[in-house]
Amino acid sequence: MTTQPLYPPDLRLAHEAQVRQFRIGKLAALGVLGAAGLLTGLVLWAGIGGWSGLLVGILAVVGFVLLLGIPMAISAAKEAKHDGPAGKGPSAYGQIVTSTPPAEVWNAVYAALAAEKFGPPRASDPQTVLSTRSLSMASWGETVTVRVQGQHDGRGVVTAWSRPAYPLQWLDYGRNRRYANAVLNAIPGGTPLS
């Protein structure tokens, strides 16, 4: 029998761990593709020889670099469109402070998740819900975690964390930032936390 943790997990720490994992995956992908491009370029240069072989080899290396460079540039451009309190990257995390009553906050959260076509939210603890999008042609799916915590001054902190379901999907074309910001921007009277 498994027991529930006494305190809910720290979403910021989980987000930071996910960011490190994505950074390692991105560096590995770039390294493998760069090495494959360099090896192909060297083989072409050796096979053809001379200045024309060198030119063909350099073009092969540039072609391999563009295989990831172009999608990364497109992803960065799409991500820049989704401004809001959530940070950039495939693991998008943001927080706002609001004085809106919790019932209204939850209604706004559920409406925002439904508008982004997420499945029905399920509670992981009294303050936290998770919602997922399933596999599609463009993605392995995403998970959004939303936590609403009250404070002693009558205000509440709303945290939204969106991330890919597949742990190495570091190229997300701004989807997760869009989802986290959709939730946070839907909360009435929200002020971003730095």
C-alpha atoms as a PDB file:
ATOM      1  CA  MET A   1       0.000   0.000   0.000  1.00  0.00           C
ATOM      2  CA  THR A   2       1.353   3.446  -0.925  1.00  0.00           C
ATOM      3  CA  THR A   3       0.879   6.465   1.278  1.00  0.00           C
ATOM      4  CA  GLN A   4       0.318  10.027   0.163  1.00  0.00           C
ATOM      5  CA  PRO A   5       3.035  12.528   1.086  1.00  0.00           C
ATOM      6  CA  LEU A   6       2.183  14.754   4.034  1.00  0.00           C
ATOM      7  CA  TYR A   7       2.878  17.914   2.010  1.00  0.00           C
ATOM      8  CA  PRO A   8       2.260  18.370  -1.723  1.00  0.00           C
ATOM      9  CA  PRO A   9       5.406  18.329  -3.885  1.00  0.00           C
ATOM     10  CA  ASP A  10       7.116  21.645  -4.552  1.00  0.00           C
ATOM     11  CA  LEU A  11       6.168  22.535  -8.124  1.00  0.00           C
ATOM     12  CA  ARG A  12       9.088  24.937  -8.557  1.00  0.00           C
ATOM     13  CA  LEU A  13      11.623  22.219  -7.690  1.00  0.00           C
ATOM     14  CA  ALA A  14       9.910  19.756 -10.029  1.00  0.00           C
ATOM     15  CA  HIS A  15       9.910  22.402 -12.778  1.00  0.00           C
ATOM     16  CA  GLU A  16      13.633  23.096 -12.278  1.00  0.00           C
ATOM     17  CA  ALA A  17      14.417  19.375 -12.439  1.00  0.00           C
ATOM     18  CA  GLN A  18      12.433  19.136 -15.688  1.00  0.00           C
ATOM     19  CA  VAL A  19      14.324  22.129 -17.124  1.00  0.00           C
ATOM     20  CA  ARG A  20      17.652  20.417 -16.365  1.00  0.00           C
ATOM     21  CA  GLN A  21      16.427  17.231 -18.045  1.00  0.00           C
ATOM     22  CA  PHE A  22      15.356  19.172 -21.160  1.00  0.00           C
ATOM     23  CA  ARG A  23      18.698  20.997 -21.261  1.00  0.00           C
ATOM     24  CA  ILE A  24      20.570  17.671 -21.191  1.00  0.00           C
ATOM     25  CA  GLY A  25      18.297  16.238 -23.918  1.00  0.00           C
ATOM     26  CA  LYS A  26      18.798  19.308 -26.093  1.00  0.00           C
ATOM     27  CA  LEU A  27      22.584  19.223 -25.704  1.00  0.00           C
ATOM     28  CA  ALA A  28      22.630  15.495 -26.474  1.00  0.00           C
ATOM     29  CA  ALA A  29      20.522  15.988 -29.623  1.00  0.00           C
ATOM     30  CA  LEU A  30      22.687  18.868 -30.792  1.00  0.00           C
ATOM     31  CA  GLY A  31      25.857  16.895 -30.068  1.00  0.00           C
ATOM     32  CA  VAL A  32      24.713  13.780 -31.934  1.00  0.00           C
ATOM     33  CA  LEU A  33      23.468  15.754 -34.921  1.00  0.00           C
ATOM     34  CA  GLY A  34      26.613  17.915 -34.961  1.00  0.00           C
ATOM     35  CA  ALA A  35      28.862  14.849 -34.787  1.00  0.00           C
ATOM     36  CA  ALA A  36      26.881  13.127 -37.555  1.00  0.00           C
ATOM     37  CA  GLY A  37      27.161  16.257 -39.713  1.00  0.00           C
ATOM     38  CA  LEU A  38      30.885  16.582 -39.089  1.00  0.00           C
ATOM     39  CA  LEU A  39      31.498  12.905 -39.816  1.00  0.00           C
ATOM     40  CA  THR A  40      29.443  13.080 -43.011  1.00  0.00           C
ATOM     41  CA  GLY A  41      31.320  16.214 -44.076  1.00  0.00           C
ATOM     42  CA  LEU A  42      34.692  14.580 -43.451  1.00  0.00           C
ATOM     43  CA  VAL A  43      33.681  11.424 -45.352  1.00  0.00           C
ATOM     44  CA  LEU A  44      32.461  13.496 -48.297  1.00  0.00           C
ATOM     45  CA  TRP A  45      35.638  15.600 -48.280  1.00  0.00           C
ATOM     46  CA  ALA A  46      37.820  12.478 -48.155  1.00  0.00           C
ATOM     47  CA  GLY A  47      35.761  10.729 -50.848  1.00  0.00           C
ATOM     48  CA  ILE A  48      35.625  13.615 -53.311  1.00  0.00           C
ATOM     49  CA  GLY A  49      38.913  15.255 -52.385  1.00  0.00           C
ATOM     50  CA  GLY A  50      40.283  18.684 -53.146  1.00  0.00           C
ATOM     51  CA  TRP A  51      38.522  22.011 -52.799  1.00  0.00           C
ATOM     52  CA  SER A  52      35.257  20.718 -54.238  1.00  0.00           C
ATOM     53  CA  GLY A  53      35.247  17.914 -51.651  1.00  0.00           C
ATOM     54  CA  LEU A  54      35.859  20.446 -48.895  1.00  0.00           C
ATOM     55  CA  LEU A  55      32.961  22.586 -50.161  1.00  0.00           C
ATOM     56  CA  VAL A  56      30.606  19.578 -50.321  1.00  0.00           C
ATOM     57  CA  GLY A  57      31.716  18.537 -46.830  1.00  0.00           C
ATOM     58  CA  ILE A  58      31.050  22.023 -45.427  1.00  0.00           C
ATOM     59  CA  LEU A  59      27.624  22.080 -47.095  1.00  0.00           C
ATOM     60  CA  ALA A  60      26.817  18.724 -45.496  1.00  0.00           C
ATOM     61  CA  VAL A  61      27.767  20.040 -42.034  1.00  0.00           C
ATOM     62  CA  VAL A  62      25.642  23.168 -42.572  1.00  0.00           C
ATOM     63  CA  GLY A  63      22.728  20.999 -43.723  1.00  0.00           C
ATOM     64  CA  PHE A  64      22.887  18.909 -40.553  1.00  0.00           C
ATOM     65  CA  VAL A  65      23.045  22.043 -38.389  1.00  0.00           C
ATOM     66  CA  LEU A  66      19.967  23.446 -40.148  1.00  0.00           C
ATOM     67  CA  LEU A  67      18.027  20.227 -39.416  1.00  0.00           C
ATOM     68  CA  LEU A  68      17.711  21.382 -35.808  1.00  0.00           C
ATOM     69  CA  GLY A  69      18.438  25.085 -36.207  1.00  0.00           C
ATOM     70  CA  ILE A  70      15.351  25.830 -38.294  1.00  0.00           C
ATOM     71  CA  PRO A  71      12.867  24.025 -35.976  1.00  0.00           C
ATOM     72  CA  MET A  72      14.502  25.669 -32.936  1.00  0.00           C
ATOM     73  CA  ALA A  73      14.104  29.127 -34.506  1.00  0.00           C
ATOM     74  CA  ILE A  74      10.457  28.426 -35.381  1.00  0.00           C
ATOM     75  CA  SER A  75       9.829  27.169 -31.839  1.00  0.00           C
ATOM     76  CA  ALA A  76      11.391  30.298 -30.307  1.00  0.00           C
ATOM     77  CA  ALA A  77       9.313  32.577 -32.564  1.00  0.00           C
ATOM     78  CA  LYS A  78       6.066  30.781 -31.685  1.00  0.00           C
ATOM     79  CA  GLU A  79       6.915  30.823 -27.985  1.00  0.00           C
ATOM     80  CA  ALA A  80       7.492  34.595 -28.034  1.00  0.00           C
ATOM     81  CA  LYS A  81       3.844  35.098 -29.102  1.00  0.00           C
ATOM     82  CA  HIS A  82       2.485  33.720 -25.815  1.00  0.00           C
ATOM     83  CA  ASP A  83       3.326  36.489 -23.394  1.00  0.00           C
ATOM     84  CA  GLY A  84       2.324  36.274 -19.765  1.00  0.00           C
ATOM     85  CA  PRO A  85       3.580  35.351 -16.301  1.00  0.00           C
ATOM     86  CA  ALA A  86       4.769  31.870 -17.273  1.00  0.00           C
ATOM     87  CA  GLY A  87       8.406  31.578 -18.294  1.00  0.00           C
ATOM     88  CA  LYS A  88       9.729  30.344 -21.612  1.00  0.00           C
ATOM     89  CA  GLY A  89      10.627  26.770 -22.407  1.00  0.00           C
ATOM     90  CA  PRO A  90       8.881  23.436 -22.709  1.00  0.00           C
ATOM     91  CA  SER A  91       8.526  23.356 -18.920  1.00  0.00           C
ATOM     92  CA  ALA A  92       6.575  26.591 -18.450  1.00  0.00           C
ATOM     93  CA  TYR A  93       6.051  27.735 -14.872  1.00  0.00           C
ATOM     94  CA  GLY A  94       4.382  30.880 -13.571  1.00  0.00           C
ATOM     95  CA  GLN A  95       2.632  32.322 -10.528  1.00  0.00           C
ATOM     96  CA  ILE A  96       0.161  35.114  -9.869  1.00  0.00           C
ATOM     97  CA  VAL A  97      -1.353  36.656  -6.740  1.00  0.00           C
ATOM     98  CA  THR A  98      -5.069  37.367  -6.671  1.00  0.00           C
ATOM     99  CA  SER A  99      -7.698  38.502  -4.189  1.00  0.00           C
ATOM    100  CA  THR A 100     -10.441  36.713  -6.128  1.00  0.00           C
ATOM    101  CA  PRO A 101     -12.371  34.162  -4.016  1.00  0.00           C
ATOM    102  CA  PRO A 102     -11.129  30.570  -4.449  1.00  0.00           C
ATOM    103  CA  ALA A 103     -14.397  29.338  -6.005  1.00  0.00           C
ATOM    104  CA  GLU A 104     -14.090  31.941  -8.794  1.00  0.00           C
ATOM    105  CA  VAL A 105     -10.402  31.104  -9.256  1.00  0.00           C
ATOM    106  CA  TRP A 106     -11.185  27.404  -9.700  1.00  0.00           C
ATOM    107  CA  ASN A 107     -14.010  28.219 -12.155  1.00  0.00           C
ATOM    108  CA  ALA A 108     -11.581  30.320 -14.216  1.00  0.00           C
ATOM    109  CA  VAL A 109      -8.963  27.537 -14.098  1.00  0.00           C
ATOM    110  CA  TYR A 110     -11.449  24.882 -15.263  1.00  0.00           C
ATOM    111  CA  ALA A 111     -12.734  27.148 -18.050  1.00  0.00           C
ATOM    112  CA  ALA A 112      -9.202  27.909 -19.277  1.00  0.00           C
ATOM    113  CA  LEU A 113      -8.253  24.217 -19.306  1.00  0.00           C
ATOM    114  CA  ALA A 114     -11.444  23.324 -21.195  1.00  0.00           C
ATOM    115  CA  ALA A 115     -10.787  26.116 -23.726  1.00  0.00           C
ATOM    116  CA  GLU A 116      -7.330  24.638 -24.403  1.00  0.00           C
ATOM    117  CA  LYS A 117      -8.938  21.185 -24.869  1.00  0.00           C
ATOM    118  CA  PHE A 118      -7.453  19.548 -21.786  1.00  0.00           C
ATOM    119  CA  GLY A 119      -9.183  16.581 -20.200  1.00  0.00           C
ATOM    120  CA  PRO A 120     -11.191  16.861 -16.999  1.00  0.00           C
ATOM    121  CA  PRO A 121      -8.963  18.049 -14.142  1.00  0.00           C
ATOM    122  CA  ARG A 122      -8.326  15.579 -11.333  1.00  0.00           C
ATOM    123  CA  ALA A 123      -7.323  16.603  -7.842  1.00  0.00           C
ATOM    124  CA  SER A 124      -3.978  15.414  -6.504  1.00  0.00           C
ATOM    125  CA  ASP A 125      -4.578  17.179  -3.175  1.00  0.00           C
ATOM    126  CA  PRO A 126      -7.114  19.794  -1.951  1.00  0.00           C
ATOM    127  CA  GLN A 127      -5.078  22.650  -3.472  1.00  0.00           C
ATOM    128  CA  THR A 128      -3.840  21.043  -6.692  1.00  0.00           C
ATOM    129  CA  VAL A 129      -5.355  19.713  -9.915  1.00  0.00           C
ATOM    130  CA  LEU A 130      -3.747  18.019 -12.918  1.00  0.00           C
ATOM    131  CA  SER A 131      -5.107  17.944 -16.431  1.00  0.00           C
ATOM    132  CA  THR A 132      -3.676  16.322 -19.552  1.00  0.00           C
ATOM    133  CA  ARG A 133      -3.935  16.518 -23.321  1.00  0.00           C
ATOM    134  CA  SER A 134      -3.479  13.286 -25.147  1.00  0.00           C
ATOM    135  CA  LEU A 135      -1.183  12.324 -28.010  1.00  0.00           C
ATOM    136  CA  SER A 136      -1.701  14.184 -31.291  1.00  0.00           C
ATOM    137  CA  MET A 137       0.092  14.577 -34.624  1.00  0.00           C
ATOM    138  CA  ALA A 138       2.017  17.571 -33.213  1.00  0.00           C
ATOM    139  CA  SER A 139       2.803  16.363 -29.698  1.00  0.00           C
ATOM    140  CA  TRP A 140       3.227  13.455 -27.316  1.00  0.00           C
ATOM    141  CA  GLY A 141       0.740  15.214 -25.041  1.00  0.00           C
ATOM    142  CA  GLU A 142       1.002  17.765 -22.231  1.00  0.00           C
ATOM    143  CA  THR A 143       0.261  17.957 -18.527  1.00  0.00           C
ATOM    144  CA  VAL A 144      -0.795  21.089 -16.668  1.00  0.00           C
ATOM    145  CA  THR A 145      -0.646  21.275 -12.876  1.00  0.00           C
ATOM    146  CA  VAL A 146      -2.465  24.130 -11.153  1.00  0.00           C
ATOM    147  CA  ARG A 147      -2.160  24.898  -7.454  1.00  0.00           C
ATOM    148  CA  VAL A 148      -4.202  27.496  -5.557  1.00  0.00           C
ATOM    149  CA  GLN A 149      -2.851  28.381  -2.113  1.00  0.00           C
ATOM    150  CA  GLY A 150      -4.466  30.869   0.248  1.00  0.00           C
ATOM    151  CA  GLN A 151      -2.420  33.363   2.220  1.00  0.00           C
ATOM    152  CA  HIS A 152      -3.074  34.965   5.597  1.00  0.00           C
ATOM    153  CA  ASP A 153      -3.776  38.396   4.049  1.00  0.00           C
ATOM    154  CA  GLY A 154      -6.847  37.167   2.138  1.00  0.00           C
ATOM    155  CA  ARG A 155      -5.059  36.834  -1.174  1.00  0.00           C
ATOM    156  CA  GLY A 156      -4.133  33.618  -2.932  1.00  0.00           C
ATOM    157  CA  VAL A 157      -1.199  32.408  -5.012  1.00  0.00           C
ATOM    158  CA  VAL A 158      -2.049  30.538  -8.196  1.00  0.00           C
ATOM    159  CA  THR A 159       0.726  28.423  -9.720  1.00  0.00           C
ATOM    160  CA  ALA A 160       0.499  26.902 -13.213  1.00  0.00           C
ATOM    161  CA  TRP A 161       3.069  24.464 -14.547  1.00  0.00           C
ATOM    162  CA  SER A 162       2.737  23.028 -18.052  1.00  0.00           C
ATOM    163  CA  ARG A 163       5.101  20.459 -19.503  1.00  0.00           C
ATOM    164  CA  PRO A 164       5.266  17.780 -22.207  1.00  0.00           C
ATOM    165  CA  ALA A 165       4.141  14.283 -21.298  1.00  0.00           C
ATOM    166  CA  TYR A 166       7.218  12.846 -23.014  1.00  0.00           C
ATOM    167  CA  PRO A 167      10.241  13.709 -20.866  1.00  0.00           C
ATOM    168  CA  LEU A 168      12.616  14.462 -23.776  1.00  0.00           C
ATOM    169  CA  GLN A 169      10.279  16.632 -25.857  1.00  0.00           C
ATOM    170  CA  TRP A 170      12.336  19.802 -25.445  1.00  0.00           C
ATOM    171  CA  LEU A 171      11.128  21.302 -28.727  1.00  0.00           C
ATOM    172  CA  ASP A 172       7.476  22.259 -28.111  1.00  0.00           C
ATOM    173  CA  TYR A 173       6.808  25.280 -30.365  1.00  0.00           C
ATOM    174  CA  GLY A 174       5.523  27.361 -27.431  1.00  0.00           C
ATOM    175  CA  ARG A 175       2.599  25.083 -26.565  1.00  0.00           C
ATOM    176  CA  ASN A 176       3.379  24.734 -22.859  1.00  0.00           C
ATOM    177  CA  ARG A 177       3.969  28.438 -22.343  1.00  0.00           C
ATOM    178  CA  ARG A 178       0.636  29.068 -24.082  1.00  0.00           C
ATOM    179  CA  TYR A 179      -1.193  26.623 -21.795  1.00  0.00           C
ATOM    180  CA  ALA A 180       0.320  27.948 -18.547  1.00  0.00           C
ATOM    181  CA  ASN A 181      -0.360  31.545 -19.558  1.00  0.00           C
ATOM    182  CA  ALA A 182      -3.919  30.696 -20.631  1.00  0.00           C
ATOM    183  CA  VAL A 183      -4.618  29.480 -17.097  1.00  0.00           C
ATOM    184  CA  LEU A 184      -2.850  32.349 -15.345  1.00  0.00           C
ATOM    185  CA  ASN A 185      -4.314  35.049 -17.597  1.00  0.00           C
ATOM    186  CA  ALA A 186      -7.832  33.699 -17.006  1.00  0.00           C
ATOM    187  CA  ILE A 187      -7.690  34.466 -13.264  1.00  0.00           C
ATOM    188  CA  PRO A 188      -9.472  37.770 -12.560  1.00  0.00           C
ATOM    189  CA  GLY A 189      -7.367  40.379 -10.787  1.00  0.00           C
ATOM    190  CA  GLY A 190      -4.128  38.404 -11.087  1.00  0.00           C
ATOM    191  CA  THR A 191      -0.764  40.083 -10.538  1.00  0.00           C
ATOM    192  CA  PRO A 192       2.354  38.182 -11.680  1.00  0.00           C
ATOM    193  CA  LEU A 193       4.897  37.146  -9.068  1.00  0.00           C
ATOM    194  CA  SER A 194       8.518  37.667 -10.003  1.00  0.00           C
END
